Amino acid sequence: MGSIGIWQIVIIAVVVVLLFGRGKISELMGDVAKGINSFKKGLNDDDAEAKEKAEDPKVIDHAPGESVNAQTKAEDTAKKD
């Protein structure tokens, strides 16, 4: 009684076919297959985009005469006093 036998699986399958019909079950399986294919396609698209981003590094352009003033907090307080 602890495990499911082959006859129990057959009876469940027959009940499911009688309830839903063969057409509805095959339609459901087709929808499941389309969903799996769509999922795989999405994964492949994500991988392709990640490879493009890895191959195309971003470059930051700056003007050659541009300077940046970075002062420490100690320098700021010394100037104020």
PDB file of N, CA and C in Angstrom:
ATOM      1  N   MET A   1       0.802  -1.184   0.000  1.00  0.00           N
ATOM      2  CA  MET A   1       0.000   0.000   0.000  1.00  0.00           C
ATOM      3  C   MET A   1       0.857   1.264   0.000  1.00  0.00           C
ATOM      4  N   GLY A   2       2.160   1.125   0.220  1.00  0.00           N
ATOM      5  CA  GLY A   2       3.036   2.278   0.314  1.00  0.00           C
ATOM      6  C   GLY A   2       3.465   2.844  -1.035  1.00  0.00           C
ATOM      7  N   SER A   3       3.431   2.041  -2.101  1.00  0.00           N
ATOM      8  CA  SER A   3       3.886   2.556  -3.394  1.00  0.00           C
ATOM      9  C   SER A   3       2.759   2.475  -4.421  1.00  0.00           C
ATOM     10  N   ILE A   4       2.904   3.270  -5.470  1.00  0.00           N
ATOM     11  CA  ILE A   4       1.897   3.299  -6.529  1.00  0.00           C
ATOM     12  C   ILE A   4       2.267   2.240  -7.560  1.00  0.00           C
ATOM     13  N   GLY A   5       1.308   1.367  -7.870  1.00  0.00           N
ATOM     14  CA  GLY A   5       1.551   0.307  -8.828  1.00  0.00           C
ATOM     15  C   GLY A   5       1.195   0.744 -10.238  1.00  0.00           C
ATOM     16  N   ILE A   6       1.531  -0.112 -11.198  1.00  0.00           N
ATOM     17  CA  ILE A   6       1.281   0.183 -12.601  1.00  0.00           C
ATOM     18  C   ILE A   6      -0.223   0.275 -12.880  1.00  0.00           C
ATOM     19  N   TRP A   7      -1.030  -0.560 -12.222  1.00  0.00           N
ATOM     20  CA  TRP A   7      -2.476  -0.533 -12.455  1.00  0.00           C
ATOM     21  C   TRP A   7      -3.092   0.760 -11.943  1.00  0.00           C
ATOM     22  N   GLN A   8      -2.588   1.273 -10.857  1.00  0.00           N
ATOM     23  CA  GLN A   8      -3.110   2.531 -10.330  1.00  0.00           C
ATOM     24  C   GLN A   8      -2.800   3.687 -11.292  1.00  0.00           C
ATOM     25  N   ILE A   9      -1.617   3.667 -11.882  1.00  0.00           N
ATOM     26  CA  ILE A   9      -1.252   4.694 -12.865  1.00  0.00           C
ATOM     27  C   ILE A   9      -2.136   4.590 -14.096  1.00  0.00           C
ATOM     28  N   VAL A  10      -2.418   3.379 -14.553  1.00  0.00           N
ATOM     29  CA  VAL A  10      -3.270   3.163 -15.723  1.00  0.00           C
ATOM     30  C   VAL A  10      -4.685   3.677 -15.441  1.00  0.00           C
ATOM     31  N   ILE A  11      -5.208   3.370 -14.270  1.00  0.00           N
ATOM     32  CA  ILE A  11      -6.563   3.821 -13.919  1.00  0.00           C
ATOM     33  C   ILE A  11      -6.621   5.344 -13.868  1.00  0.00           C
ATOM     34  N   ILE A  12      -5.613   5.984 -13.292  1.00  0.00           N
ATOM     35  CA  ILE A  12      -5.571   7.454 -13.235  1.00  0.00           C
ATOM     36  C   ILE A  12      -5.506   8.033 -14.638  1.00  0.00           C
ATOM     37  N   ALA A  13      -4.693   7.434 -15.511  1.00  0.00           N
ATOM     38  CA  ALA A  13      -4.574   7.920 -16.889  1.00  0.00           C
ATOM     39  C   ALA A  13      -5.903   7.793 -17.627  1.00  0.00           C
ATOM     40  N   VAL A  14      -6.614   6.687 -17.445  1.00  0.00           N
ATOM     41  CA  VAL A  14      -7.903   6.487 -18.106  1.00  0.00           C
ATOM     42  C   VAL A  14      -8.915   7.521 -17.618  1.00  0.00           C
ATOM     43  N   VAL A  15      -8.934   7.791 -16.320  1.00  0.00           N
ATOM     44  CA  VAL A  15      -9.867   8.779 -15.767  1.00  0.00           C
ATOM     45  C   VAL A  15      -9.559  10.168 -16.329  1.00  0.00           C
ATOM     46  N   VAL A  16      -8.276  10.523 -16.422  1.00  0.00           N
ATOM     47  CA  VAL A  16      -7.891  11.830 -16.950  1.00  0.00           C
ATOM     48  C   VAL A  16      -8.309  11.957 -18.409  1.00  0.00           C
ATOM     49  N   VAL A  17      -8.107  10.901 -19.208  1.00  0.00           N
ATOM     50  CA  VAL A  17      -8.495  10.941 -20.620  1.00  0.00           C
ATOM     51  C   VAL A  17     -10.009  11.058 -20.750  1.00  0.00           C
ATOM     52  N   LEU A  18     -10.744  10.355 -19.904  1.00  0.00           N
ATOM     53  CA  LEU A  18     -12.205  10.443 -19.963  1.00  0.00           C
ATOM     54  C   LEU A  18     -12.702  11.836 -19.565  1.00  0.00           C
ATOM     55  N   LEU A  19     -12.070  12.452 -18.588  1.00  0.00           N
ATOM     56  CA  LEU A  19     -12.500  13.772 -18.127  1.00  0.00           C
ATOM     57  C   LEU A  19     -12.173  14.871 -19.135  1.00  0.00           C
ATOM     58  N   PHE A  20     -10.957  14.865 -19.641  1.00  0.00           N
ATOM     59  CA  PHE A  20     -10.503  15.975 -20.484  1.00  0.00           C
ATOM     60  C   PHE A  20     -10.570  15.672 -21.976  1.00  0.00           C
ATOM     61  N   GLY A  21     -10.545  14.440 -22.355  1.00  0.00           N
ATOM     62  CA  GLY A  21     -10.555  14.069 -23.770  1.00  0.00           C
ATOM     63  C   GLY A  21      -9.147  14.133 -24.360  1.00  0.00           C
ATOM     64  N   ARG A  22      -8.943  13.386 -25.415  1.00  0.00           N
ATOM     65  CA  ARG A  22      -7.605  13.328 -26.017  1.00  0.00           C
ATOM     66  C   ARG A  22      -7.211  14.663 -26.623  1.00  0.00           C
ATOM     67  N   GLY A  23      -8.136  15.371 -27.228  1.00  0.00           N
ATOM     68  CA  GLY A  23      -7.820  16.641 -27.881  1.00  0.00           C
ATOM     69  C   GLY A  23      -7.346  17.684 -26.890  1.00  0.00           C
ATOM     70  N   LYS A  24      -8.011  17.758 -25.756  1.00  0.00           N
ATOM     71  CA  LYS A  24      -7.647  18.753 -24.743  1.00  0.00           C
ATOM     72  C   LYS A  24      -6.275  18.440 -24.146  1.00  0.00           C
ATOM     73  N   ILE A  25      -5.984  17.167 -23.939  1.00  0.00           N
ATOM     74  CA  ILE A  25      -4.687  16.781 -23.376  1.00  0.00           C
ATOM     75  C   ILE A  25      -3.565  17.085 -24.371  1.00  0.00           C
ATOM     76  N   SER A  26      -3.768  16.766 -25.643  1.00  0.00           N
ATOM     77  CA  SER A  26      -2.732  17.042 -26.642  1.00  0.00           C
ATOM     78  C   SER A  26      -2.524  18.544 -26.810  1.00  0.00           C
ATOM     79  N   GLU A  27      -3.605  19.316 -26.707  1.00  0.00           N
ATOM     80  CA  GLU A  27      -3.490  20.776 -26.780  1.00  0.00           C
ATOM     81  C   GLU A  27      -2.686  21.304 -25.593  1.00  0.00           C
ATOM     82  N   LEU A  28      -2.935  20.742 -24.421  1.00  0.00           N
ATOM     83  CA  LEU A  28      -2.213  21.145 -23.215  1.00  0.00           C
ATOM     84  C   LEU A  28      -0.722  20.824 -23.344  1.00  0.00           C
ATOM     85  N   MET A  29      -0.410  19.637 -23.863  1.00  0.00           N
ATOM     86  CA  MET A  29       0.992  19.263 -24.050  1.00  0.00           C
ATOM     87  C   MET A  29       1.677  20.165 -25.080  1.00  0.00           C
ATOM     88  N   GLY A  30       0.938  20.570 -26.125  1.00  0.00           N
ATOM     89  CA  GLY A  30       1.487  21.502 -27.115  1.00  0.00           C
ATOM     90  C   GLY A  30       1.799  22.850 -26.491  1.00  0.00           C
ATOM     91  N   ASP A  31       0.907  23.320 -25.605  1.00  0.00           N
ATOM     92  CA  ASP A  31       1.152  24.586 -24.912  1.00  0.00           C
ATOM     93  C   ASP A  31       2.359  24.498 -23.993  1.00  0.00           C
ATOM     94  N   VAL A  32       2.515  23.368 -23.320  1.00  0.00           N
ATOM     95  CA  VAL A  32       3.675  23.172 -22.442  1.00  0.00           C
ATOM     96  C   VAL A  32       4.958  23.193 -23.274  1.00  0.00           C
ATOM     97  N   ALA A  33       4.953  22.529 -24.425  1.00  0.00           N
ATOM     98  CA  ALA A  33       6.134  22.503 -25.297  1.00  0.00           C
ATOM     99  C   ALA A  33       6.469  23.905 -25.804  1.00  0.00           C
ATOM    100  N   LYS A  34       5.453  24.687 -26.163  1.00  0.00           N
ATOM    101  CA  LYS A  34       5.696  26.066 -26.623  1.00  0.00           C
ATOM    102  C   LYS A  34       6.303  26.899 -25.500  1.00  0.00           C
ATOM    103  N   GLY A  35       5.819  26.696 -24.286  1.00  0.00           N
ATOM    104  CA  GLY A  35       6.359  27.428 -23.142  1.00  0.00           C
ATOM    105  C   GLY A  35       7.807  27.089 -22.881  1.00  0.00           C
ATOM    106  N   ILE A  36       8.155  25.816 -22.981  1.00  0.00           N
ATOM    107  CA  ILE A  36       9.547  25.396 -22.774  1.00  0.00           C
ATOM    108  C   ILE A  36      10.439  25.983 -23.857  1.00  0.00           C
ATOM    109  N   ASN A  37       9.994  25.931 -25.106  1.00  0.00           N
ATOM    110  CA  ASN A  37      10.785  26.498 -26.206  1.00  0.00           C
ATOM    111  C   ASN A  37      10.968  27.999 -26.043  1.00  0.00           C
ATOM    112  N   SER A  38       9.923  28.685 -25.624  1.00  0.00           N
ATOM    113  CA  SER A  38      10.014  30.125 -25.402  1.00  0.00           C
ATOM    114  C   SER A  38      10.992  30.439 -24.279  1.00  0.00           C
ATOM    115  N   PHE A  39      10.972  29.642 -23.223  1.00  0.00           N
ATOM    116  CA  PHE A  39      11.892  29.821 -22.103  1.00  0.00           C
ATOM    117  C   PHE A  39      13.342  29.633 -22.555  1.00  0.00           C
ATOM    118  N   LYS A  40      13.604  28.585 -23.329  1.00  0.00           N
ATOM    119  CA  LYS A  40      14.955  28.336 -23.838  1.00  0.00           C
ATOM    120  C   LYS A  40      15.416  29.469 -24.745  1.00  0.00           C
ATOM    121  N   LYS A  41      14.520  29.973 -25.594  1.00  0.00           N
ATOM    122  CA  LYS A  41      14.860  31.080 -26.486  1.00  0.00           C
ATOM    123  C   LYS A  41      15.221  32.323 -25.676  1.00  0.00           C
ATOM    124  N   GLY A  42      14.463  32.586 -24.621  1.00  0.00           N
ATOM    125  CA  GLY A  42      14.755  33.725 -23.746  1.00  0.00           C
ATOM    126  C   GLY A  42      16.112  33.591 -23.083  1.00  0.00           C
ATOM    127  N   LEU A  43      16.463  32.397 -22.649  1.00  0.00           N
ATOM    128  CA  LEU A  43      17.779  32.179 -22.044  1.00  0.00           C
ATOM    129  C   LEU A  43      18.888  32.418 -23.060  1.00  0.00           C
ATOM    130  N   ASN A  44      18.698  31.941 -24.285  1.00  0.00           N
ATOM    131  CA  ASN A  44      19.706  32.134 -25.318  1.00  0.00           C
ATOM    132  C   ASN A  44      19.866  33.608 -25.670  1.00  0.00           C
ATOM    133  N   ASP A  45      18.757  34.348 -25.707  1.00  0.00           N
ATOM    134  CA  ASP A  45      18.821  35.787 -25.991  1.00  0.00           C
ATOM    135  C   ASP A  45      19.586  36.515 -24.894  1.00  0.00           C
ATOM    136  N   ASP A  46      19.343  36.151 -23.633  1.00  0.00           N
ATOM    137  CA  ASP A  46      20.057  36.773 -22.513  1.00  0.00           C
ATOM    138  C   ASP A  46      21.550  36.485 -22.594  1.00  0.00           C
ATOM    139  N   ASP A  47      21.907  35.245 -22.960  1.00  0.00           N
ATOM    140  CA  ASP A  47      23.322  34.890 -23.083  1.00  0.00           C
ATOM    141  C   ASP A  47      23.981  35.686 -24.207  1.00  0.00           C
ATOM    142  N   ALA A  48      23.273  35.866 -25.328  1.00  0.00           N
ATOM    143  CA  ALA A  48      23.829  36.612 -26.458  1.00  0.00           C
ATOM    144  C   ALA A  48      24.044  38.076 -26.075  1.00  0.00           C
ATOM    145  N   GLU A  49      23.092  38.663 -25.346  1.00  0.00           N
ATOM    146  CA  GLU A  49      23.235  40.056 -24.916  1.00  0.00           C
ATOM    147  C   GLU A  49      24.392  40.204 -23.929  1.00  0.00           C
ATOM    148  N   ALA A  50      24.567  39.235 -23.047  1.00  0.00           N
ATOM    149  CA  ALA A  50      25.662  39.295 -22.081  1.00  0.00           C
ATOM    150  C   ALA A  50      27.008  39.213 -22.794  1.00  0.00           C
ATOM    151  N   LYS A  51      27.110  38.389 -23.826  1.00  0.00           N
ATOM    152  CA  LYS A  51      28.363  38.283 -24.586  1.00  0.00           C
ATOM    153  C   LYS A  51      28.657  39.582 -25.321  1.00  0.00           C
ATOM    154  N   GLU A  52      27.624  40.215 -25.889  1.00  0.00           N
ATOM    155  CA  GLU A  52      27.827  41.489 -26.590  1.00  0.00           C
ATOM    156  C   GLU A  52      28.322  42.555 -25.623  1.00  0.00           C
ATOM    157  N   LYS A  53      27.755  42.601 -24.436  1.00  0.00           N
ATOM    158  CA  LYS A  53      28.178  43.588 -23.450  1.00  0.00           C
ATOM    159  C   LYS A  53      29.606  43.325 -22.993  1.00  0.00           C
ATOM    160  N   ALA A  54      29.988  42.063 -22.874  1.00  0.00           N
ATOM    161  CA  ALA A  54      31.339  41.727 -22.441  1.00  0.00           C
ATOM    162  C   ALA A  54      32.361  42.076 -23.525  1.00  0.00           C
ATOM    163  N   GLU A  55      31.987  41.944 -24.779  1.00  0.00           N
ATOM    164  CA  GLU A  55      32.901  42.223 -25.881  1.00  0.00           C
ATOM    165  C   GLU A  55      33.002  43.717 -26.188  1.00  0.00           C
ATOM    166  N   ASP A  56      32.007  44.501 -25.827  1.00  0.00           N
ATOM    167  CA  ASP A  56      31.964  45.917 -26.143  1.00  0.00           C
ATOM    168  C   ASP A  56      32.149  46.733 -24.859  1.00  0.00           C
ATOM    169  N   PRO A  57      33.409  46.983 -24.475  1.00  0.00           N
ATOM    170  CA  PRO A  57      33.622  47.727 -23.232  1.00  0.00           C
ATOM    171  C   PRO A  57      33.203  49.185 -23.381  1.00  0.00           C
ATOM    172  N   LYS A  58      32.754  49.762 -22.309  1.00  0.00           N
ATOM    173  CA  LYS A  58      32.339  51.162 -22.307  1.00  0.00           C
ATOM    174  C   LYS A  58      33.565  52.045 -22.110  1.00  0.00           C
ATOM    175  N   VAL A  59      33.633  53.148 -22.848  1.00  0.00           N
ATOM    176  CA  VAL A  59      34.749  54.080 -22.769  1.00  0.00           C
ATOM    177  C   VAL A  59      34.198  55.421 -22.321  1.00  0.00           C
ATOM    178  N   ILE A  60      34.863  56.025 -21.358  1.00  0.00           N
ATOM    179  CA  ILE A  60      34.464  57.344 -20.882  1.00  0.00           C
ATOM    180  C   ILE A  60      35.405  58.361 -21.497  1.00  0.00           C
ATOM    181  N   ASP A  61      34.864  59.263 -22.292  1.00  0.00           N
ATOM    182  CA  ASP A  61      35.657  60.315 -22.916  1.00  0.00           C
ATOM    183  C   ASP A  61      35.670  61.535 -22.005  1.00  0.00           C
ATOM    184  N   HIS A  62      36.809  62.185 -21.938  1.00  0.00           N
ATOM    185  CA  HIS A  62      36.881  63.423 -21.171  1.00  0.00           C
ATOM    186  C   HIS A  62      37.733  64.417 -21.942  1.00  0.00           C
ATOM    187  N   ALA A  63      37.515  65.686 -21.658  1.00  0.00           N
ATOM    188  CA  ALA A  63      38.279  66.729 -22.338  1.00  0.00           C
ATOM    189  C   ALA A  63      39.693  66.747 -21.772  1.00  0.00           C
ATOM    190  N   PRO A  64      40.722  66.925 -22.618  1.00  0.00           N
ATOM    191  CA  PRO A  64      42.102  66.860 -22.131  1.00  0.00           C
ATOM    192  C   PRO A  64      42.446  67.964 -21.137  1.00  0.00           C
ATOM    193  N   GLY A  65      41.838  69.138 -21.237  1.00  0.00           N
ATOM    194  CA  GLY A  65      42.177  70.231 -20.341  1.00  0.00           C
ATOM    195  C   GLY A  65      41.366  70.217 -19.049  1.00  0.00           C
ATOM    196  N   GLU A  66      40.504  69.255 -18.900  1.00  0.00           N
ATOM    197  CA  GLU A  66      39.618  69.207 -17.745  1.00  0.00           C
ATOM    198  C   GLU A  66      40.371  68.693 -16.518  1.00  0.00           C
ATOM    199  N   SER A  67      40.251  69.409 -15.415  1.00  0.00           N
ATOM    200  CA  SER A  67      40.910  68.957 -14.192  1.00  0.00           C
ATOM    201  C   SER A  67      39.869  68.759 -13.104  1.00  0.00           C
ATOM    202  N   VAL A  68      40.233  67.954 -12.155  1.00  0.00           N
ATOM    203  CA  VAL A  68      39.325  67.647 -11.065  1.00  0.00           C
ATOM    204  C   VAL A  68      39.993  68.043  -9.766  1.00  0.00           C
ATOM    205  N   ASN A  69      39.301  68.827  -8.954  1.00  0.00           N
ATOM    206  CA  ASN A  69      39.822  69.210  -7.645  1.00  0.00           C
ATOM    207  C   ASN A  69      39.264  68.271  -6.596  1.00  0.00           C
ATOM    208  N   ALA A  70      40.154  67.558  -5.978  1.00  0.00           N
ATOM    209  CA  ALA A  70      39.745  66.654  -4.909  1.00  0.00           C
ATOM    210  C   ALA A  70      40.465  67.090  -3.645  1.00  0.00           C
ATOM    211  N   GLN A  71      39.712  67.565  -2.707  1.00  0.00           N
ATOM    212  CA  GLN A  71      40.306  68.012  -1.456  1.00  0.00           C
ATOM    213  C   GLN A  71      39.834  67.113  -0.336  1.00  0.00           C
ATOM    214  N   THR A  72      40.702  66.910   0.589  1.00  0.00           N
ATOM    215  CA  THR A  72      40.327  66.107   1.735  1.00  0.00           C
ATOM    216  C   THR A  72      39.580  66.972   2.724  1.00  0.00           C
ATOM    217  N   LYS A  73      38.945  66.363   3.651  1.00  0.00           N
ATOM    218  CA  LYS A  73      38.174  67.099   4.640  1.00  0.00           C
ATOM    219  C   LYS A  73      39.107  67.941   5.517  1.00  0.00           C
ATOM    220  N   ALA A  74      40.307  67.438   5.774  1.00  0.00           N
ATOM    221  CA  ALA A  74      41.269  68.177   6.585  1.00  0.00           C
ATOM    222  C   ALA A  74      41.689  69.475   5.879  1.00  0.00           C
ATOM    223  N   GLU A  75      41.873  69.414   4.551  1.00  0.00           N
ATOM    224  CA  GLU A  75      42.236  70.595   3.803  1.00  0.00           C
ATOM    225  C   GLU A  75      41.105  71.621   3.808  1.00  0.00           C
ATOM    226  N   ASP A  76      39.857  71.138   3.712  1.00  0.00           N
ATOM    227  CA  ASP A  76      38.699  72.042   3.744  1.00  0.00           C
ATOM    228  C   ASP A  76      38.603  72.768   5.077  1.00  0.00           C
ATOM    229  N   THR A  77      38.784  72.057   6.163  1.00  0.00           N
ATOM    230  CA  THR A  77      38.671  72.703   7.481  1.00  0.00           C
ATOM    231  C   THR A  77      39.839  73.618   7.723  1.00  0.00           C
ATOM    232  N   ALA A  78      41.020  73.299   7.180  1.00  0.00           N
ATOM    233  CA  ALA A  78      42.183  74.170   7.350  1.00  0.00           C
ATOM    234  C   ALA A  78      41.981  75.472   6.613  1.00  0.00           C
ATOM    235  N   LYS A  79      41.353  75.432   5.444  1.00  0.00           N
ATOM    236  CA  LYS A  79      41.120  76.643   4.664  1.00  0.00           C
ATOM    237  C   LYS A  79      40.063  77.530   5.336  1.00  0.00           C
ATOM    238  N   LYS A  80      39.075  76.913   5.976  1.00  0.00           N
ATOM    239  CA  LYS A  80      38.011  77.686   6.621  1.00  0.00           C
ATOM    240  C   LYS A  80      38.512  78.386   7.875  1.00  0.00           C
ATOM    241  N   ASP A  81      39.478  77.799   8.542  1.00  0.00           N
ATOM    242  CA  ASP A  81      39.990  78.391   9.800  1.00  0.00           C
ATOM    243  C   ASP A  81      40.974  79.447   9.475  1.00  0.00           C
TER     244      ASP A  81
END
